Amino acid sequence: MKAPLFVLAAASALAGCSDRDSTENQVALPVGTQIADNGVVEAPPTGSAPTIPTASGPGTAFGMTKEQLEDADLLGAGNAKLGEVDRVTTDAQGSVNGLVVEIESQPDDREVLLPLKGIEPVAVGDQWHLRAPALTREQLLTLPEVKRAGR
């Protein structure tokens, strides 16, 4: 019981030491604003996070459209880039059931078919990408290779 009284007394003493006479003179700062030890005010970043993807229906996955999926990078643990989504594969109803991922490798780039299990969307900057945190580049290279017609 003594500890809460001490905390309350300390808080009251600190409140009395304030250099502001009332809360009427306080300015409301935007959320995320920080004041450095030297009194410099640092405003929050002006860029906002991308809106959460909410696409649904045939040709979509993870709330992302086919175009968003095909523009995404595939990231591993720590957001390390594993490859780029080249295209999506779909079933007879148009539902996305896999991703063809291009992996930069020597001497030629390689495309593999990646199932959707264990993948999650992740915002990086102002874009959405796909992350497979349990997947390594070495595991990705063992997946079935996809050959394009004419290659």
C-alpha atoms as a PDB file:
ATOM      1  CA  MET A   1       0.000   0.000   0.000  1.00  0.00           C
ATOM      2  CA  LYS A   2       2.938   2.372   0.607  1.00  0.00           C
ATOM      3  CA  ALA A   3       4.223   2.117  -2.991  1.00  0.00           C
ATOM      4  CA  PRO A   4       1.060   3.450  -4.686  1.00  0.00           C
ATOM      5  CA  LEU A   5       0.949   6.416  -2.271  1.00  0.00           C
ATOM      6  CA  PHE A   6       4.599   7.201  -3.015  1.00  0.00           C
ATOM      7  CA  VAL A   7       3.954   7.061  -6.791  1.00  0.00           C
ATOM      8  CA  LEU A   8       0.905   9.302  -6.400  1.00  0.00           C
ATOM      9  CA  ALA A   9       2.863  11.803  -4.289  1.00  0.00           C
ATOM     10  CA  ALA A  10       5.749  11.839  -6.779  1.00  0.00           C
ATOM     11  CA  ALA A  11       3.380  12.387  -9.692  1.00  0.00           C
ATOM     12  CA  SER A  12       1.706  15.269  -7.850  1.00  0.00           C
ATOM     13  CA  ALA A  13       5.079  16.855  -7.108  1.00  0.00           C
ATOM     14  CA  LEU A  14       6.149  16.584 -10.755  1.00  0.00           C
ATOM     15  CA  ALA A  15       2.864  18.058 -11.944  1.00  0.00           C
ATOM     16  CA  GLY A  16       3.450  21.037  -9.687  1.00  0.00           C
ATOM     17  CA  CYS A  17       6.866  21.617 -11.280  1.00  0.00           C
ATOM     18  CA  SER A  18       5.414  22.105 -14.734  1.00  0.00           C
ATOM     19  CA  ASP A  19       6.414  25.307 -16.507  1.00  0.00           C
ATOM     20  CA  ARG A  20       2.935  25.553 -17.997  1.00  0.00           C
ATOM     21  CA  ASP A  21       0.256  27.180 -15.918  1.00  0.00           C
ATOM     22  CA  SER A  22      -2.652  25.482 -17.679  1.00  0.00           C
ATOM     23  CA  THR A  23      -3.462  23.088 -20.468  1.00  0.00           C
ATOM     24  CA  GLU A  24      -5.075  25.942 -22.396  1.00  0.00           C
ATOM     25  CA  ASN A  25      -1.671  27.033 -23.735  1.00  0.00           C
ATOM     26  CA  GLN A  26      -0.709  23.576 -24.992  1.00  0.00           C
ATOM     27  CA  VAL A  27      -0.682  22.947 -28.740  1.00  0.00           C
ATOM     28  CA  ALA A  28      -2.005  19.645 -30.060  1.00  0.00           C
ATOM     29  CA  LEU A  29       0.699  17.954 -32.131  1.00  0.00           C
ATOM     30  CA  PRO A  30       0.016  15.336 -34.815  1.00  0.00           C
ATOM     31  CA  VAL A  31       0.282  11.730 -33.712  1.00  0.00           C
ATOM     32  CA  GLY A  32       3.843  10.508 -34.177  1.00  0.00           C
ATOM     33  CA  THR A  33       5.450  13.895 -33.481  1.00  0.00           C
ATOM     34  CA  GLN A  34       8.592  13.619 -31.397  1.00  0.00           C
ATOM     35  CA  ILE A  35      10.357  16.296 -29.386  1.00  0.00           C
ATOM     36  CA  ALA A  36      14.124  15.792 -29.122  1.00  0.00           C
ATOM     37  CA  ASP A  37      16.085  16.494 -25.928  1.00  0.00           C
ATOM     38  CA  ASN A  38      17.202  19.818 -27.391  1.00  0.00           C
ATOM     39  CA  GLY A  39      13.565  20.867 -27.910  1.00  0.00           C
ATOM     40  CA  VAL A  40      13.529  20.399 -31.684  1.00  0.00           C
ATOM     41  CA  VAL A  41      10.145  19.164 -32.887  1.00  0.00           C
ATOM     42  CA  GLU A  42      10.275  16.353 -35.462  1.00  0.00           C
ATOM     43  CA  ALA A  43       7.023  15.918 -37.363  1.00  0.00           C
ATOM     44  CA  PRO A  44       5.857  12.427 -38.331  1.00  0.00           C
ATOM     45  CA  PRO A  45       6.638  11.270 -41.869  1.00  0.00           C
ATOM     46  CA  THR A  46       4.190  12.693 -44.392  1.00  0.00           C
ATOM     47  CA  GLY A  47       3.945   9.491 -46.451  1.00  0.00           C
ATOM     48  CA  SER A  48       1.287   7.118 -45.324  1.00  0.00           C
ATOM     49  CA  ALA A  49       1.268   3.355 -45.363  1.00  0.00           C
ATOM     50  CA  PRO A  50      -0.408   1.847 -48.390  1.00  0.00           C
ATOM     51  CA  THR A  51      -4.033   0.958 -47.958  1.00  0.00           C
ATOM     52  CA  ILE A  52      -4.677  -2.630 -47.000  1.00  0.00           C
ATOM     53  CA  PRO A  53      -5.412  -4.699 -50.110  1.00  0.00           C
ATOM     54  CA  THR A  54      -9.027  -5.839 -50.243  1.00  0.00           C
ATOM     55  CA  ALA A  55      -9.462  -7.251 -53.748  1.00  0.00           C
ATOM     56  CA  SER A  56     -11.600 -10.367 -53.955  1.00  0.00           C
ATOM     57  CA  GLY A  57     -12.914 -12.735 -56.578  1.00  0.00           C
ATOM     58  CA  PRO A  58     -11.288 -14.651 -59.413  1.00  0.00           C
ATOM     59  CA  GLY A  59      -7.674 -13.701 -60.140  1.00  0.00           C
ATOM     60  CA  THR A  60      -7.011 -12.312 -56.670  1.00  0.00           C
ATOM     61  CA  ALA A  61      -5.086 -13.603 -53.655  1.00  0.00           C
ATOM     62  CA  PHE A  62      -4.138 -12.075 -50.305  1.00  0.00           C
ATOM     63  CA  GLY A  63      -6.521  -9.216 -51.109  1.00  0.00           C
ATOM     64  CA  MET A  64      -4.325  -8.254 -54.063  1.00  0.00           C
ATOM     65  CA  THR A  65      -5.305  -8.048 -57.726  1.00  0.00           C
ATOM     66  CA  LYS A  66      -3.511 -10.014 -60.429  1.00  0.00           C
ATOM     67  CA  GLU A  67      -1.668  -6.842 -61.436  1.00  0.00           C
ATOM     68  CA  GLN A  68      -0.535  -6.183 -57.845  1.00  0.00           C
ATOM     69  CA  LEU A  69       0.593  -9.791 -57.439  1.00  0.00           C
ATOM     70  CA  GLU A  70       2.594  -9.701 -60.672  1.00  0.00           C
ATOM     71  CA  ASP A  71       4.251  -6.459 -59.555  1.00  0.00           C
ATOM     72  CA  ALA A  72       5.263  -7.868 -56.150  1.00  0.00           C
ATOM     73  CA  ASP A  73       8.630  -9.056 -54.930  1.00  0.00           C
ATOM     74  CA  LEU A  74       8.876 -12.302 -52.974  1.00  0.00           C
ATOM     75  CA  LEU A  75      10.566 -11.641 -49.656  1.00  0.00           C
ATOM     76  CA  GLY A  76      11.992 -14.047 -47.109  1.00  0.00           C
ATOM     77  CA  ALA A  77      12.820 -13.635 -43.440  1.00  0.00           C
ATOM     78  CA  GLY A  78      13.909 -10.106 -42.600  1.00  0.00           C
ATOM     79  CA  ASN A  79      12.347  -8.929 -45.885  1.00  0.00           C
ATOM     80  CA  ALA A  80      15.344 -10.170 -47.903  1.00  0.00           C
ATOM     81  CA  LYS A  81      14.398 -10.321 -51.585  1.00  0.00           C
ATOM     82  CA  LEU A  82      14.159 -13.900 -52.853  1.00  0.00           C
ATOM     83  CA  GLY A  83      12.726 -13.180 -56.285  1.00  0.00           C
ATOM     84  CA  GLU A  84       9.995 -11.422 -58.251  1.00  0.00           C
ATOM     85  CA  VAL A  85       6.514 -12.668 -59.017  1.00  0.00           C
ATOM     86  CA  ASP A  86       6.358 -12.994 -62.799  1.00  0.00           C
ATOM     87  CA  ARG A  87       2.799 -14.286 -63.135  1.00  0.00           C
ATOM     88  CA  VAL A  88       0.065 -16.141 -61.305  1.00  0.00           C
ATOM     89  CA  THR A  89      -1.400 -19.546 -62.019  1.00  0.00           C
ATOM     90  CA  THR A  90      -5.114 -20.166 -61.688  1.00  0.00           C
ATOM     91  CA  ASP A  91      -7.510 -23.082 -61.541  1.00  0.00           C
ATOM     92  CA  ALA A  92     -10.502 -23.620 -63.857  1.00  0.00           C
ATOM     93  CA  GLN A  93     -12.625 -21.202 -61.795  1.00  0.00           C
ATOM     94  CA  GLY A  94      -9.988 -18.444 -62.036  1.00  0.00           C
ATOM     95  CA  SER A  95      -8.823 -18.718 -58.430  1.00  0.00           C
ATOM     96  CA  VAL A  96      -5.098 -18.080 -57.953  1.00  0.00           C
ATOM     97  CA  ASN A  97      -3.426 -21.327 -56.871  1.00  0.00           C
ATOM     98  CA  GLY A  98       0.249 -20.550 -57.365  1.00  0.00           C
ATOM     99  CA  LEU A  99       2.870 -17.983 -58.277  1.00  0.00           C
ATOM    100  CA  VAL A 100       5.571 -18.204 -60.894  1.00  0.00           C
ATOM    101  CA  VAL A 101       8.576 -16.581 -59.260  1.00  0.00           C
ATOM    102  CA  GLU A 102      11.663 -15.454 -61.146  1.00  0.00           C
ATOM    103  CA  ILE A 103      14.874 -16.060 -59.221  1.00  0.00           C
ATOM    104  CA  GLU A 104      18.029 -14.309 -60.286  1.00  0.00           C
ATOM    105  CA  SER A 105      20.685 -16.987 -60.633  1.00  0.00           C
ATOM    106  CA  GLN A 106      23.773 -17.687 -62.655  1.00  0.00           C
ATOM    107  CA  PRO A 107      24.156 -18.298 -65.529  1.00  0.00           C
ATOM    108  CA  ASP A 108      20.436 -17.791 -66.298  1.00  0.00           C
ATOM    109  CA  ASP A 109      17.470 -16.626 -64.294  1.00  0.00           C
ATOM    110  CA  ARG A 110      15.156 -19.418 -63.234  1.00  0.00           C
ATOM    111  CA  GLU A 111      11.379 -19.460 -62.847  1.00  0.00           C
ATOM    112  CA  VAL A 112       9.762 -21.760 -60.309  1.00  0.00           C
ATOM    113  CA  LEU A 113       6.186 -22.554 -59.332  1.00  0.00           C
ATOM    114  CA  LEU A 114       5.464 -21.549 -55.749  1.00  0.00           C
ATOM    115  CA  PRO A 115       2.284 -22.714 -53.975  1.00  0.00           C
ATOM    116  CA  LEU A 116       0.444 -20.099 -51.865  1.00  0.00           C
ATOM    117  CA  LYS A 117       0.945 -21.866 -48.534  1.00  0.00           C
ATOM    118  CA  GLY A 118       2.983 -19.896 -45.999  1.00  0.00           C
ATOM    119  CA  ILE A 119       2.835 -16.599 -47.897  1.00  0.00           C
ATOM    120  CA  GLU A 120       1.576 -13.317 -46.479  1.00  0.00           C
ATOM    121  CA  PRO A 121       1.215  -9.810 -47.876  1.00  0.00           C
ATOM    122  CA  VAL A 122       3.554  -7.186 -46.418  1.00  0.00           C
ATOM    123  CA  ALA A 123       3.809  -3.432 -46.960  1.00  0.00           C
ATOM    124  CA  VAL A 124       7.263  -2.155 -47.805  1.00  0.00           C
ATOM    125  CA  GLY A 125       7.256   1.589 -48.227  1.00  0.00           C
ATOM    126  CA  ASP A 126       4.189   2.425 -50.258  1.00  0.00           C
ATOM    127  CA  GLN A 127       3.912  -0.941 -52.053  1.00  0.00           C
ATOM    128  CA  TRP A 128       2.616  -4.382 -51.153  1.00  0.00           C
ATOM    129  CA  HIS A 129       4.834  -7.413 -51.604  1.00  0.00           C
ATOM    130  CA  LEU A 130       4.611 -11.075 -50.597  1.00  0.00           C
ATOM    131  CA  ARG A 131       6.634 -12.611 -47.796  1.00  0.00           C
ATOM    132  CA  ALA A 132       7.395 -16.273 -47.176  1.00  0.00           C
ATOM    133  CA  PRO A 133       9.252 -16.025 -43.846  1.00  0.00           C
ATOM    134  CA  ALA A 134      10.028 -19.745 -43.618  1.00  0.00           C
ATOM    135  CA  LEU A 135      11.378 -20.001 -47.177  1.00  0.00           C
ATOM    136  CA  THR A 136      15.045 -19.645 -48.107  1.00  0.00           C
ATOM    137  CA  ARG A 137      16.548 -18.994 -51.535  1.00  0.00           C
ATOM    138  CA  GLU A 138      17.992 -22.508 -51.527  1.00  0.00           C
ATOM    139  CA  GLN A 139      14.542 -24.026 -50.898  1.00  0.00           C
ATOM    140  CA  LEU A 140      13.045 -21.825 -53.610  1.00  0.00           C
ATOM    141  CA  LEU A 141      15.597 -23.135 -56.117  1.00  0.00           C
ATOM    142  CA  THR A 142      14.478 -26.730 -55.419  1.00  0.00           C
ATOM    143  CA  LEU A 143      10.886 -26.027 -56.532  1.00  0.00           C
ATOM    144  CA  PRO A 144       9.700 -27.240 -59.946  1.00  0.00           C
ATOM    145  CA  GLU A 145      11.054 -25.090 -62.748  1.00  0.00           C
ATOM    146  CA  VAL A 146       8.545 -23.500 -65.103  1.00  0.00           C
ATOM    147  CA  LYS A 147       9.505 -23.236 -68.759  1.00  0.00           C
ATOM    148  CA  ARG A 148       7.915 -20.595 -70.949  1.00  0.00           C
ATOM    149  CA  ALA A 149       6.977 -21.433 -74.495  1.00  0.00           C
ATOM    150  CA  GLY A 150       9.672 -20.179 -76.841  1.00  0.00           C
ATOM    151  CA  ARG A 151      12.471 -20.231 -74.259  1.00  0.00           C
END
